[in-house]
Amino acid sequence: MKKYARKSDFNGKGINQGYIFNDGQYYCQTEKQAKEYVESKGFNWKEEKQKFNTKNEWFYFTLWEEIDTEELFDIEGNVYTTCVECNEPVNLELKKCESCFTSIYIITLSPSKT
């Protein structure tokens, strides 16, 4: 399985390069998708693109070279983690590694009651 670092908010697919908006509030892969998003917010694409590398920058293009083993994606945007036993990707919906059958426990923290 090819691993992807992020999931595109534009089409739900896994991506390893693309545009990141507002510190991760929105991800997309292509300039065309980024332009569409910027214009959907009522901004002018050419004006906003000129803000790259300035203090007013609110989005930029990047390559994600390292993939987080705690949360990664496939091309379809399904979420995976890495099995602690065999180091293979595990679909979080299955909760069990298909390679070594190790159970994956998802821990949720609830607020303490005081």
N, C-alpha and C. Protein backbone atom coordinates (compact mmCIF):
# COMPACT_ATOMS: atom_id res chain seq x y z
N MET A 1 0.84 -1.18 0.00
CA MET A 1 0.00 0.00 0.00
C MET A 1 0.88 1.24 0.00
N LYS A 2 0.61 2.16 -0.90
CA LYS A 2 1.31 3.44 -0.88
C LYS A 2 0.74 4.27 0.26
N LYS A 3 1.62 4.91 1.03
CA LYS A 3 1.21 5.69 2.19
C LYS A 3 1.21 7.18 1.86
N TYR A 4 0.24 7.88 2.41
CA TYR A 4 0.11 9.31 2.19
C TYR A 4 0.07 10.03 3.54
N ALA A 5 0.66 11.23 3.57
CA ALA A 5 0.80 11.98 4.81
C ALA A 5 -0.46 12.74 5.21
N ARG A 6 -1.23 13.17 4.23
CA ARG A 6 -2.41 13.98 4.50
C ARG A 6 -3.59 13.51 3.66
N LYS A 7 -4.76 13.97 4.03
CA LYS A 7 -5.98 13.69 3.29
C LYS A 7 -6.50 15.01 2.73
N SER A 8 -6.73 15.04 1.43
CA SER A 8 -7.23 16.24 0.77
C SER A 8 -8.66 16.53 1.19
N ASP A 9 -8.90 17.77 1.61
CA ASP A 9 -10.26 18.19 1.92
C ASP A 9 -11.06 18.45 0.64
N PHE A 10 -10.36 18.63 -0.46
CA PHE A 10 -11.02 18.89 -1.74
C PHE A 10 -11.75 17.65 -2.26
N ASN A 11 -11.07 16.49 -2.23
CA ASN A 11 -11.68 15.28 -2.80
C ASN A 11 -11.56 14.04 -1.91
N GLY A 12 -11.00 14.18 -0.71
CA GLY A 12 -10.92 13.06 0.22
C GLY A 12 -9.82 12.06 -0.08
N LYS A 13 -8.94 12.34 -1.03
CA LYS A 13 -7.87 11.41 -1.42
C LYS A 13 -6.61 11.67 -0.60
N GLY A 14 -5.76 10.63 -0.49
CA GLY A 14 -4.47 10.78 0.17
C GLY A 14 -3.52 11.61 -0.68
N ILE A 15 -2.71 12.47 -0.03
CA ILE A 15 -1.75 13.32 -0.74
C ILE A 15 -0.42 13.39 0.01
N ASN A 16 0.68 13.56 -0.73
CA ASN A 16 2.00 13.77 -0.14
C ASN A 16 2.59 15.12 -0.51
N GLN A 17 1.86 15.90 -1.27
CA GLN A 17 2.25 17.27 -1.57
C GLN A 17 0.99 18.06 -1.85
N GLY A 18 1.05 19.35 -1.57
CA GLY A 18 -0.12 20.17 -1.83
C GLY A 18 -0.11 21.45 -1.03
N TYR A 19 -1.26 22.06 -0.98
CA TYR A 19 -1.43 23.35 -0.30
C TYR A 19 -2.04 23.13 1.07
N ILE A 20 -1.53 23.88 2.03
CA ILE A 20 -2.04 23.84 3.40
C ILE A 20 -2.54 25.24 3.74
N PHE A 21 -3.76 25.32 4.25
CA PHE A 21 -4.39 26.59 4.58
C PHE A 21 -4.58 26.71 6.09
N ASN A 22 -4.33 27.90 6.61
CA ASN A 22 -4.59 28.21 8.02
C ASN A 22 -4.09 27.13 8.98
N ASP A 23 -2.82 26.81 8.86
CA ASP A 23 -2.18 25.84 9.77
C ASP A 23 -2.90 24.50 9.83
N GLY A 24 -3.40 24.02 8.70
CA GLY A 24 -3.98 22.69 8.64
C GLY A 24 -5.49 22.61 8.66
N GLN A 25 -6.16 23.74 8.54
CA GLN A 25 -7.63 23.69 8.53
C GLN A 25 -8.16 23.15 7.21
N TYR A 26 -7.35 23.24 6.14
CA TYR A 26 -7.79 22.77 4.83
C TYR A 26 -6.57 22.34 4.04
N TYR A 27 -6.67 21.18 3.35
CA TYR A 27 -5.60 20.67 2.50
C TYR A 27 -6.15 20.39 1.11
N CYS A 28 -5.33 20.68 0.09
CA CYS A 28 -5.67 20.28 -1.28
C CYS A 28 -4.37 20.03 -2.04
N GLN A 29 -4.46 19.40 -3.18
CA GLN A 29 -3.27 18.94 -3.88
C GLN A 29 -2.78 19.87 -4.98
N THR A 30 -3.66 20.43 -5.77
CA THR A 30 -3.23 21.16 -6.96
C THR A 30 -3.46 22.67 -6.82
N GLU A 31 -2.77 23.42 -7.67
CA GLU A 31 -2.96 24.86 -7.69
C GLU A 31 -4.39 25.21 -8.10
N LYS A 32 -4.95 24.45 -9.02
CA LYS A 32 -6.33 24.67 -9.46
C LYS A 32 -7.30 24.52 -8.27
N GLN A 33 -7.08 23.49 -7.45
CA GLN A 33 -7.93 23.28 -6.27
C GLN A 33 -7.73 24.41 -5.26
N ALA A 34 -6.48 24.84 -5.08
CA ALA A 34 -6.19 25.94 -4.15
C ALA A 34 -6.86 27.22 -4.62
N LYS A 35 -6.76 27.50 -5.91
CA LYS A 35 -7.40 28.70 -6.47
C LYS A 35 -8.91 28.65 -6.24
N GLU A 36 -9.51 27.51 -6.49
CA GLU A 36 -10.95 27.36 -6.28
C GLU A 36 -11.33 27.63 -4.82
N TYR A 37 -10.51 27.11 -3.90
CA TYR A 37 -10.79 27.31 -2.48
C TYR A 37 -10.66 28.79 -2.10
N VAL A 38 -9.58 29.43 -2.54
CA VAL A 38 -9.35 30.85 -2.23
C VAL A 38 -10.50 31.69 -2.77
N GLU A 39 -10.89 31.44 -4.00
CA GLU A 39 -11.98 32.22 -4.61
C GLU A 39 -13.33 31.93 -3.95
N SER A 40 -13.50 30.71 -3.41
CA SER A 40 -14.75 30.39 -2.71
C SER A 40 -14.87 31.18 -1.40
N LYS A 41 -13.74 31.65 -0.90
CA LYS A 41 -13.72 32.46 0.31
C LYS A 41 -13.88 33.95 0.00
N GLY A 42 -14.02 34.27 -1.31
CA GLY A 42 -14.23 35.66 -1.70
C GLY A 42 -12.95 36.44 -1.95
N PHE A 43 -11.81 35.74 -2.05
CA PHE A 43 -10.53 36.41 -2.27
C PHE A 43 -10.10 36.30 -3.73
N ASN A 44 -9.22 37.21 -4.14
CA ASN A 44 -8.63 37.19 -5.47
C ASN A 44 -7.39 36.31 -5.44
N TRP A 45 -7.34 35.29 -6.30
CA TRP A 45 -6.24 34.33 -6.31
C TRP A 45 -4.89 35.00 -6.52
N LYS A 46 -4.78 35.88 -7.50
CA LYS A 46 -3.48 36.52 -7.80
C LYS A 46 -2.99 37.35 -6.62
N GLU A 47 -3.90 38.07 -5.98
CA GLU A 47 -3.52 38.89 -4.82
C GLU A 47 -3.08 38.01 -3.65
N GLU A 48 -3.82 36.95 -3.39
CA GLU A 48 -3.50 36.08 -2.26
C GLU A 48 -2.20 35.31 -2.51
N LYS A 49 -1.96 34.92 -3.74
CA LYS A 49 -0.73 34.19 -4.07
C LYS A 49 0.51 35.07 -3.86
N GLN A 50 0.36 36.38 -4.01
CA GLN A 50 1.48 37.30 -3.79
C GLN A 50 1.86 37.40 -2.31
N LYS A 51 1.04 36.88 -1.43
CA LYS A 51 1.33 36.93 0.01
C LYS A 51 2.25 35.80 0.47
N PHE A 52 2.61 34.88 -0.45
CA PHE A 52 3.55 33.81 -0.09
C PHE A 52 4.82 34.43 0.48
N ASN A 53 5.36 33.80 1.52
CA ASN A 53 6.61 34.23 2.16
C ASN A 53 6.54 35.64 2.73
N THR A 54 5.38 36.05 3.17
CA THR A 54 5.22 37.33 3.87
C THR A 54 4.51 37.07 5.19
N LYS A 55 4.43 38.09 6.04
CA LYS A 55 3.74 37.91 7.32
C LYS A 55 2.24 37.71 7.15
N ASN A 56 1.71 38.04 5.97
CA ASN A 56 0.28 37.87 5.70
C ASN A 56 -0.06 36.54 5.03
N GLU A 57 0.92 35.67 4.92
CA GLU A 57 0.70 34.37 4.29
C GLU A 57 -0.27 33.53 5.13
N TRP A 58 -1.29 32.98 4.51
CA TRP A 58 -2.25 32.13 5.23
C TRP A 58 -2.36 30.76 4.58
N PHE A 59 -1.61 30.54 3.49
CA PHE A 59 -1.53 29.23 2.87
C PHE A 59 -0.23 29.14 2.09
N TYR A 60 0.21 27.91 1.85
CA TYR A 60 1.45 27.69 1.11
C TYR A 60 1.46 26.28 0.55
N PHE A 61 2.39 26.04 -0.38
CA PHE A 61 2.57 24.72 -0.98
C PHE A 61 3.70 24.01 -0.24
N THR A 62 3.55 22.71 -0.02
CA THR A 62 4.60 21.96 0.66
C THR A 62 4.63 20.50 0.19
N LEU A 63 5.73 19.85 0.48
CA LEU A 63 5.89 18.40 0.28
C LEU A 63 6.01 17.78 1.66
N TRP A 64 5.24 16.75 1.92
CA TRP A 64 5.37 16.03 3.18
C TRP A 64 6.26 14.83 2.93
N GLU A 65 7.51 14.92 3.37
CA GLU A 65 8.47 13.85 3.11
C GLU A 65 8.40 12.74 4.15
N GLU A 66 8.05 13.10 5.37
CA GLU A 66 7.92 12.10 6.43
C GLU A 66 6.44 11.84 6.68
N ILE A 67 6.12 10.59 6.83
CA ILE A 67 4.73 10.20 7.08
C ILE A 67 4.61 9.77 8.53
N ASP A 68 3.68 10.37 9.25
CA ASP A 68 3.43 10.05 10.65
C ASP A 68 2.93 8.62 10.75
N THR A 69 3.59 7.81 11.57
CA THR A 69 3.18 6.40 11.71
C THR A 69 1.91 6.26 12.57
N GLU A 70 1.56 7.29 13.32
CA GLU A 70 0.36 7.25 14.14
C GLU A 70 -0.91 7.46 13.31
N GLU A 71 -0.78 8.29 12.26
CA GLU A 71 -1.93 8.57 11.39
C GLU A 71 -1.43 8.77 9.97
N LEU A 72 -1.86 7.87 9.08
CA LEU A 72 -1.50 7.98 7.68
C LEU A 72 -2.72 7.59 6.86
N PHE A 73 -2.64 7.79 5.55
CA PHE A 73 -3.80 7.61 4.69
C PHE A 73 -3.44 6.78 3.47
N ASP A 74 -4.45 6.13 2.87
CA ASP A 74 -4.25 5.49 1.58
C ASP A 74 -4.77 6.45 0.50
N ILE A 75 -4.68 6.06 -0.76
CA ILE A 75 -5.09 6.94 -1.85
C ILE A 75 -6.56 7.32 -1.76
N GLU A 76 -7.38 6.47 -1.16
CA GLU A 76 -8.81 6.75 -1.03
C GLU A 76 -9.13 7.63 0.18
N GLY A 77 -8.11 7.95 1.00
CA GLY A 77 -8.32 8.79 2.16
C GLY A 77 -8.70 8.04 3.42
N ASN A 78 -8.63 6.70 3.40
CA ASN A 78 -8.91 5.91 4.60
C ASN A 78 -7.78 6.10 5.60
N VAL A 79 -8.12 6.17 6.88
CA VAL A 79 -7.14 6.43 7.94
C VAL A 79 -6.54 5.13 8.44
N TYR A 80 -5.21 5.14 8.61
CA TYR A 80 -4.46 3.99 9.10
C TYR A 80 -3.55 4.42 10.24
N THR A 81 -3.11 3.44 11.00
CA THR A 81 -2.03 3.59 11.95
C THR A 81 -1.05 2.47 11.64
N THR A 82 0.07 2.42 12.34
CA THR A 82 1.07 1.39 12.10
C THR A 82 1.01 0.35 13.21
N CYS A 83 0.97 -0.92 12.85
CA CYS A 83 0.94 -2.01 13.82
C CYS A 83 2.23 -2.00 14.63
N VAL A 84 2.11 -2.10 15.94
CA VAL A 84 3.29 -2.10 16.80
C VAL A 84 4.04 -3.42 16.74
N GLU A 85 3.39 -4.47 16.27
CA GLU A 85 4.04 -5.78 16.20
C GLU A 85 4.78 -6.00 14.89
N CYS A 86 4.13 -5.74 13.77
CA CYS A 86 4.75 -6.07 12.47
C CYS A 86 5.05 -4.84 11.61
N ASN A 87 4.70 -3.65 12.09
CA ASN A 87 5.01 -2.40 11.40
C ASN A 87 4.24 -2.22 10.09
N GLU A 88 3.16 -2.95 9.90
CA GLU A 88 2.33 -2.82 8.70
C GLU A 88 1.20 -1.81 8.97
N PRO A 89 0.69 -1.17 7.92
CA PRO A 89 -0.44 -0.25 8.12
C PRO A 89 -1.71 -1.00 8.52
N VAL A 90 -2.47 -0.41 9.44
CA VAL A 90 -3.71 -1.01 9.93
C VAL A 90 -4.84 0.00 9.76
N ASN A 91 -5.87 -0.39 9.04
CA ASN A 91 -7.04 0.46 8.86
C ASN A 91 -7.73 0.62 10.22
N LEU A 92 -7.92 1.86 10.65
CA LEU A 92 -8.49 2.09 11.97
C LEU A 92 -9.92 1.57 12.11
N GLU A 93 -10.64 1.46 11.01
CA GLU A 93 -12.00 0.93 11.08
C GLU A 93 -12.00 -0.56 11.40
N LEU A 94 -10.96 -1.28 10.99
CA LEU A 94 -10.89 -2.73 11.24
C LEU A 94 -10.42 -3.05 12.65
N LYS A 95 -9.58 -2.20 13.22
CA LYS A 95 -9.06 -2.34 14.58
C LYS A 95 -8.26 -3.61 14.81
N LYS A 96 -7.81 -4.23 13.73
CA LYS A 96 -6.99 -5.43 13.85
C LYS A 96 -6.07 -5.50 12.64
N CYS A 97 -4.81 -5.81 12.88
CA CYS A 97 -3.83 -5.92 11.80
C CYS A 97 -4.15 -7.15 10.96
N GLU A 98 -4.27 -6.97 9.66
CA GLU A 98 -4.56 -8.09 8.77
C GLU A 98 -3.34 -8.96 8.53
N SER A 99 -2.13 -8.45 8.86
CA SER A 99 -0.91 -9.22 8.65
C SER A 99 -0.60 -10.15 9.81
N CYS A 100 -0.69 -9.63 11.05
CA CYS A 100 -0.33 -10.45 12.21
C CYS A 100 -1.48 -10.63 13.20
N PHE A 101 -2.63 -10.04 12.89
CA PHE A 101 -3.85 -10.17 13.69
C PHE A 101 -3.76 -9.54 15.08
N THR A 102 -2.82 -8.62 15.26
CA THR A 102 -2.72 -7.89 16.51
C THR A 102 -3.88 -6.90 16.60
N SER A 103 -4.52 -6.82 17.76
CA SER A 103 -5.61 -5.87 17.96
C SER A 103 -5.04 -4.47 18.13
N ILE A 104 -5.74 -3.52 17.57
CA ILE A 104 -5.37 -2.12 17.71
C ILE A 104 -6.40 -1.51 18.64
N TYR A 105 -5.94 -0.98 19.75
CA TYR A 105 -6.85 -0.37 20.71
C TYR A 105 -6.82 1.13 20.52
N ILE A 106 -7.99 1.71 20.32
CA ILE A 106 -8.11 3.15 20.18
C ILE A 106 -8.53 3.70 21.53
N ILE A 107 -7.69 4.54 22.10
CA ILE A 107 -7.94 5.10 23.42
C ILE A 107 -8.55 6.48 23.25
N THR A 108 -9.67 6.70 23.88
CA THR A 108 -10.27 8.02 23.88
C THR A 108 -10.24 8.54 25.30
N LEU A 109 -9.87 9.78 25.43
CA LEU A 109 -9.80 10.39 26.75
C LEU A 109 -11.07 11.17 27.00
N SER A 110 -11.68 10.92 28.14
CA SER A 110 -12.86 11.69 28.50
C SER A 110 -12.47 12.68 29.59
N PRO A 111 -13.13 13.82 29.61
CA PRO A 111 -12.79 14.81 30.63
C PRO A 111 -13.04 14.25 32.03
N SER A 112 -12.16 14.59 32.95
CA SER A 112 -12.33 14.12 34.32
C SER A 112 -13.48 14.87 34.98
N LYS A 113 -14.17 14.17 35.84
CA LYS A 113 -15.29 14.78 36.55
C LYS A 113 -14.80 15.24 37.90
N THR A 114 -14.98 16.52 38.15
CA THR A 114 -14.55 17.06 39.45
C THR A 114 -15.70 17.61 40.23
